[in-house]
């Protein structure tokens, strides 16, 4: 009970801030969802700066140009929109024009995504998240009582919205890899929630003479060590990927790190907290528990 109100306030604030930024700022969509061309460029000239690369590309009349460092010191990622993605010799012509302004460089990777494909990918990404949440809701509904299902879906929605909100707040690129990270962390979160709910259901039948708050606290404490150990071991791997996996994996790893942290938090402080708003039936059997120790009363 001690942290019940505080956790509700923190959760609500995180959710409101995420919704606010998503509505008024939106997401920085990657080429997957936005359409256009992405070029990973490496130069042999260490004197070049991001501004030099940007100035060179800006002279080529490209729309919505974005240039930033990517990985190693002389690596850059360039994104822009162009009207005709079907022009076969566009990249070849781009190199010829770029040779006038840059020296000793090479294109390490080129990706083209048309506006129709990007729109379909965005729609498919949203659909995938919605179907996953719905499937998890149905699973919890059949495995537990309907109250548990509602509590689990509230926690899941909180996790998904705050993870997407993180990318809006810090203007990080939102692409298909991030959708995969969201779906992965949603599964991680629901697995953690199911573990806690299993113990709650077991203790509801065992401690019939105790109030619900005692049962929920006891259930959380009994699964807490397992939850923390699992989360820490997962985080160790993700933190290593974030710092040493390169720029390609950094945003994906960040989404996973936040998802694991917020998923562990929501299983304890949101999913179980939501159960306190329902009157959950304990069954007709007698209390089969051992006497409660003095320090737990």
Protein backbone atom coordinates (compact mmCIF):
# COMPACT_ATOMS: atom_id res chain seq x y z
CA UNK A 1 0.00 0.00 0.00
CA UNK A 2 2.94 2.29 0.70
CA UNK A 3 3.76 3.07 -2.94
CA UNK A 4 0.29 2.52 -4.38
CA UNK A 5 -0.71 6.16 -4.91
CA UNK A 6 2.79 7.28 -5.93
CA UNK A 7 3.04 4.58 -8.60
CA UNK A 8 -0.37 5.53 -9.99
CA UNK A 9 0.69 9.18 -10.27
CA UNK A 10 3.99 8.31 -11.98
CA UNK A 11 2.26 5.97 -14.43
CA UNK A 12 -0.40 8.54 -15.27
CA UNK A 13 2.21 11.28 -15.79
CA UNK A 14 4.29 9.06 -18.11
CA UNK A 15 1.18 8.21 -20.12
CA UNK A 16 -0.02 11.84 -20.38
CA UNK A 17 3.42 13.14 -21.39
CA UNK A 18 3.69 10.45 -24.07
CA UNK A 19 0.24 11.21 -25.48
CA UNK A 20 0.98 14.98 -25.43
CA UNK A 21 4.19 14.60 -27.45
CA UNK A 22 2.62 12.13 -29.87
CA UNK A 23 -0.27 14.51 -30.58
CA UNK A 24 1.63 17.79 -30.78
CA UNK A 25 5.07 16.68 -31.96
CA UNK A 26 4.51 13.34 -33.63
CA UNK A 27 7.15 10.79 -34.59
CA UNK A 28 10.32 11.06 -36.60
CA UNK A 29 9.46 8.39 -39.14
CA UNK A 30 12.29 6.56 -40.86
CA UNK A 31 12.47 5.77 -44.54
CA UNK A 32 10.42 2.61 -43.88
CA UNK A 33 7.34 4.68 -43.01
CA UNK A 34 8.09 7.98 -44.67
CA UNK A 35 9.37 6.93 -48.07
CA UNK A 36 12.43 8.25 -49.87
CA UNK A 37 16.09 7.29 -50.13
CA UNK A 38 18.61 6.43 -47.43
CA UNK A 39 22.34 6.40 -48.18
CA UNK A 40 25.05 5.25 -45.81
CA UNK A 41 28.18 7.13 -46.84
CA UNK A 42 31.82 6.75 -45.76
CA UNK A 43 34.56 9.28 -46.51
CA UNK A 44 38.33 8.82 -46.46
CA UNK A 45 38.80 12.49 -45.63
CA UNK A 46 38.78 12.96 -41.84
CA UNK A 47 38.52 16.73 -42.29
CA UNK A 48 34.94 16.48 -43.52
CA UNK A 49 32.26 17.43 -41.01
CA UNK A 50 28.52 16.80 -41.01
CA UNK A 51 27.96 20.33 -42.30
CA UNK A 52 30.24 19.69 -45.30
CA UNK A 53 28.29 16.58 -46.25
CA UNK A 54 25.00 18.43 -45.82
CA UNK A 55 26.17 21.35 -47.98
CA UNK A 56 27.28 19.00 -50.75
CA UNK A 57 23.94 17.17 -50.88
CA UNK A 58 21.92 20.39 -50.54
CA UNK A 59 23.33 21.56 -53.88
CA UNK A 60 21.66 18.61 -55.59
CA UNK A 61 18.09 19.94 -55.11
CA UNK A 62 16.92 17.11 -52.83
CA UNK A 63 13.80 17.45 -50.69
CA UNK A 64 13.63 17.00 -46.92
CA UNK A 65 17.37 16.38 -46.61
CA UNK A 66 18.74 14.95 -43.37
CA UNK A 67 22.42 14.21 -42.63
CA UNK A 68 23.90 12.85 -39.41
CA UNK A 69 26.87 10.87 -38.17
CA UNK A 70 26.41 7.14 -38.23
CA UNK A 71 28.70 4.69 -36.48
CA UNK A 72 32.38 5.49 -37.02
CA UNK A 73 33.89 8.96 -37.27
CA UNK A 74 33.79 9.18 -41.07
CA UNK A 75 30.41 7.46 -41.53
CA UNK A 76 27.24 9.42 -42.29
CA UNK A 77 23.65 8.54 -43.04
CA UNK A 78 21.85 10.73 -45.57
CA UNK A 79 18.07 10.68 -46.02
CA UNK A 80 16.01 12.62 -48.52
CA UNK A 81 12.84 12.50 -50.58
CA UNK A 82 12.75 12.48 -54.36
CA UNK A 83 9.77 12.55 -56.73
CA UNK A 84 10.62 9.51 -58.88
CA UNK A 85 11.91 6.44 -57.04
CA UNK A 86 11.64 4.32 -60.20
CA UNK A 87 14.39 6.14 -62.10
CA UNK A 88 17.05 3.39 -62.53
CA UNK A 89 20.07 5.66 -63.02
CA UNK A 90 19.27 8.10 -60.24
CA UNK A 91 22.01 6.93 -57.85
CA UNK A 92 24.58 6.81 -60.65
CA UNK A 93 23.70 10.38 -61.64
CA UNK A 94 23.73 11.44 -57.99
CA UNK A 95 27.31 10.18 -57.62
CA UNK A 96 28.41 12.06 -60.72
CA UNK A 97 26.94 15.31 -59.38
CA UNK A 98 28.27 14.68 -55.87
CA UNK A 99 31.81 14.20 -57.21
CA UNK A 100 31.86 17.93 -57.87
CA UNK A 101 31.59 18.71 -54.17
CA UNK A 102 33.05 15.68 -52.32
CA UNK A 103 36.19 13.59 -52.72
CA UNK A 104 37.21 10.13 -51.58
CA UNK A 105 33.84 8.77 -50.52
CA UNK A 106 31.75 5.69 -51.22
CA UNK A 107 28.14 4.62 -50.81
CA UNK A 108 28.11 1.63 -48.45
CA UNK A 109 24.32 1.14 -48.48
CA UNK A 110 21.40 2.56 -50.47
CA UNK A 111 17.73 1.98 -49.62
CA UNK A 112 14.73 3.18 -51.61
CA UNK A 113 11.16 3.06 -50.36
CA UNK A 114 8.26 4.49 -52.36
CA UNK A 115 5.41 6.46 -50.73
CA UNK A 116 2.87 3.70 -51.41
CA UNK A 117 5.08 1.01 -49.87
CA UNK A 118 5.91 3.19 -46.84
CA UNK A 119 2.21 3.88 -46.22
CA UNK A 120 1.49 0.14 -46.36
CA UNK A 121 4.38 -0.60 -43.99
CA UNK A 122 3.09 1.98 -41.50
CA UNK A 123 -0.42 0.53 -41.68
CA UNK A 124 0.93 -3.00 -41.28
CA UNK A 125 3.03 -1.93 -38.29
CA UNK A 126 0.05 -0.40 -36.50
CA UNK A 127 -2.05 -3.46 -37.37
CA UNK A 128 0.61 -5.82 -36.00
CA UNK A 129 0.70 -3.97 -32.67
CA UNK A 130 -3.11 -3.91 -32.43
CA UNK A 131 -3.47 -7.63 -33.24
CA UNK A 132 -0.75 -8.54 -30.74
CA UNK A 133 -2.44 -6.57 -27.97
CA UNK A 134 -5.83 -8.09 -28.82
CA UNK A 135 -4.40 -11.64 -28.86
CA UNK A 136 -2.78 -11.09 -25.47
CA UNK A 137 -6.04 -9.71 -24.10
CA UNK A 138 -7.91 -12.84 -25.25
CA UNK A 139 -5.22 -15.11 -23.82
CA UNK A 140 -5.39 -13.46 -20.38
CA UNK A 141 -9.19 -13.46 -20.51
CA UNK A 142 -9.31 -17.24 -21.00
CA UNK A 143 -6.53 -18.03 -18.55
CA UNK A 144 -7.75 -15.78 -15.73
CA UNK A 145 -10.92 -13.93 -14.78
CA UNK A 146 -11.98 -10.94 -16.89
CA UNK A 147 -10.68 -8.53 -14.23
CA UNK A 148 -7.15 -9.82 -14.78
CA UNK A 149 -7.56 -9.33 -18.53
CA UNK A 150 -8.50 -5.67 -18.14
CA UNK A 151 -5.61 -5.07 -15.72
CA UNK A 152 -3.15 -6.71 -18.12
CA UNK A 153 -4.31 -4.74 -21.16
CA UNK A 154 -4.13 -1.45 -19.23
CA UNK A 155 -0.51 -2.26 -18.33
CA UNK A 156 0.25 -3.29 -21.93
CA UNK A 157 -1.24 -0.12 -23.43
CA UNK A 158 0.78 1.91 -20.92
CA UNK A 159 3.98 0.10 -22.00
CA UNK A 160 3.35 0.53 -25.73
CA UNK A 161 2.33 4.21 -25.53
CA UNK A 162 5.24 5.20 -23.27
CA UNK A 163 7.73 3.36 -25.50
CA UNK A 164 6.43 5.14 -28.61
CA UNK A 165 6.33 8.37 -26.59
CA UNK A 166 10.02 7.98 -25.76
CA UNK A 167 10.83 8.17 -29.47
CA UNK A 168 8.67 11.27 -29.85
CA UNK A 169 10.16 13.07 -26.84
CA UNK A 170 13.77 12.53 -27.98
CA UNK A 171 13.01 12.75 -31.72
CA UNK A 172 14.52 9.31 -32.40
CA UNK A 173 13.90 7.56 -35.69
CA UNK A 174 10.82 5.35 -35.67
CA UNK A 175 11.04 2.47 -38.14
CA UNK A 176 10.13 -1.19 -38.58
CA UNK A 177 12.88 -2.29 -36.18
CA UNK A 178 11.23 -0.25 -33.43
CA UNK A 179 7.87 -1.88 -34.16
CA UNK A 180 9.61 -5.25 -33.71
CA UNK A 181 11.09 -4.01 -30.42
CA UNK A 182 7.64 -2.88 -29.20
CA UNK A 183 6.08 -6.25 -30.01
CA UNK A 184 8.96 -8.06 -28.30
CA UNK A 185 8.74 -5.98 -25.13
CA UNK A 186 4.95 -6.35 -25.11
CA UNK A 187 5.43 -10.12 -25.04
CA UNK A 188 8.08 -9.76 -22.33
CA UNK A 189 5.75 -7.58 -20.26
CA UNK A 190 2.76 -9.91 -20.54
CA UNK A 191 4.94 -12.88 -19.57
CA UNK A 192 6.03 -11.03 -16.43
CA UNK A 193 2.42 -10.08 -15.70
CA UNK A 194 1.23 -13.68 -16.09
CA UNK A 195 3.83 -14.85 -13.54
CA UNK A 196 2.56 -12.34 -10.98
CA UNK A 197 -1.10 -13.07 -11.79
CA UNK A 198 -0.53 -16.81 -11.34
CA UNK A 199 0.74 -16.17 -7.83
CA UNK A 200 -2.11 -13.74 -7.12
CA UNK A 201 -4.69 -16.33 -8.17
CA UNK A 202 -2.99 -18.99 -6.08
CA UNK A 203 -2.88 -16.76 -3.00
CA UNK A 204 -6.48 -15.64 -3.48
CA UNK A 205 -7.54 -19.27 -3.03
CA UNK A 206 -5.07 -19.87 -0.21
CA UNK A 207 -5.55 -16.79 1.98
CA UNK A 208 -9.33 -16.38 1.90
CA UNK A 209 -9.47 -14.72 5.30
CA UNK A 210 -7.03 -11.95 4.28
CA UNK A 211 -7.88 -8.73 2.48
CA UNK A 212 -6.92 -8.25 -1.15
CA UNK A 213 -4.13 -5.75 -0.43
CA UNK A 214 -2.29 -8.29 1.72
CA UNK A 215 -2.66 -10.95 -0.97
CA UNK A 216 -1.41 -8.65 -3.75
CA UNK A 217 1.59 -7.51 -1.73
CA UNK A 218 2.49 -11.07 -0.81
CA UNK A 219 2.18 -12.22 -4.43
CA UNK A 220 4.46 -9.42 -5.66
CA UNK A 221 7.05 -10.14 -2.98
CA UNK A 222 7.04 -13.86 -3.78
CA UNK A 223 7.75 -13.24 -7.48
CA UNK A 224 9.95 -10.16 -7.09
CA UNK A 225 13.32 -11.93 -6.99
CA UNK A 226 12.49 -13.91 -10.14
CA UNK A 227 11.34 -10.72 -11.89
CA UNK A 228 14.40 -8.69 -10.95
CA UNK A 229 16.90 -11.41 -11.86
CA UNK A 230 15.25 -11.99 -15.25
CA UNK A 231 15.11 -8.26 -16.01
CA UNK A 232 18.72 -7.60 -14.98
CA UNK A 233 20.12 -10.45 -17.09
CA UNK A 234 18.10 -9.23 -20.09
CA UNK A 235 19.23 -5.65 -19.53
CA UNK A 236 22.90 -6.64 -19.39
CA UNK A 237 22.67 -8.08 -22.90
CA UNK A 238 20.69 -5.09 -24.23
CA UNK A 239 23.04 -2.51 -22.71
CA UNK A 240 26.01 -4.23 -24.36
CA UNK A 241 24.16 -4.16 -27.69
CA UNK A 242 23.34 -0.46 -27.19
CA UNK A 243 26.95 0.59 -26.57
CA UNK A 244 28.81 -1.87 -28.80
CA UNK A 245 26.28 -2.94 -31.43
CA UNK A 246 26.75 0.11 -33.62
CA UNK A 247 24.39 2.83 -34.75
CA UNK A 248 22.19 0.38 -36.67
CA UNK A 249 21.14 -1.38 -33.44
CA UNK A 250 21.31 1.50 -30.94
CA UNK A 251 17.72 2.73 -31.30
CA UNK A 252 16.39 -0.83 -31.35
CA UNK A 253 18.37 -1.65 -28.19
CA UNK A 254 17.15 1.55 -26.53
CA UNK A 255 13.53 0.64 -27.24
CA UNK A 256 14.14 -2.82 -25.80
CA UNK A 257 15.87 -1.43 -22.69
CA UNK A 258 13.00 0.95 -22.01
CA UNK A 259 10.49 -1.81 -22.76
CA UNK A 260 12.08 -4.22 -20.28
CA UNK A 261 12.25 -1.56 -17.56
CA UNK A 262 8.73 -0.24 -18.09
CA UNK A 263 7.36 -3.77 -18.61
CA UNK A 264 8.79 -4.92 -15.27
CA UNK A 265 7.47 -1.77 -13.61
CA UNK A 266 3.99 -2.12 -15.10
CA UNK A 267 3.64 -5.78 -14.08
CA UNK A 268 4.06 -4.77 -10.45
CA UNK A 269 2.76 -1.23 -10.17
CA UNK A 270 0.06 -1.09 -12.86
CA UNK A 271 -1.31 -4.58 -13.56
CA UNK A 272 -1.62 -5.55 -9.89
CA UNK A 273 -2.73 -2.04 -8.90
CA UNK A 274 -5.61 -2.25 -11.37
CA UNK A 275 -6.86 -5.39 -9.62
CA UNK A 276 -7.56 -3.33 -6.49
CA UNK A 277 -10.40 -1.60 -8.35
CA UNK A 278 -12.24 -4.92 -8.79
CA UNK A 279 -13.89 -7.28 -6.36
CA UNK A 280 -12.31 -10.61 -7.25
CA UNK A 281 -14.02 -13.77 -6.05
CA UNK A 282 -11.82 -15.98 -3.81
CA UNK A 283 -13.83 -19.19 -4.11
CA UNK A 284 -15.83 -21.28 -1.64
CA UNK A 285 -13.06 -23.39 -0.13
CA UNK A 286 -11.81 -22.84 3.39
CA UNK A 287 -8.64 -20.91 4.15
CA UNK A 288 -5.84 -23.49 3.84
CA UNK A 289 -2.97 -21.14 4.62
CA UNK A 290 -0.56 -21.35 7.52
CA UNK A 291 -0.86 -18.75 10.30
CA UNK A 292 0.55 -15.41 9.17
CA UNK A 293 3.86 -14.51 10.87
CA UNK A 294 3.77 -11.48 13.13
CA UNK A 295 6.08 -9.42 10.91
CA UNK A 296 3.71 -9.80 7.94
CA UNK A 297 0.65 -8.54 9.78
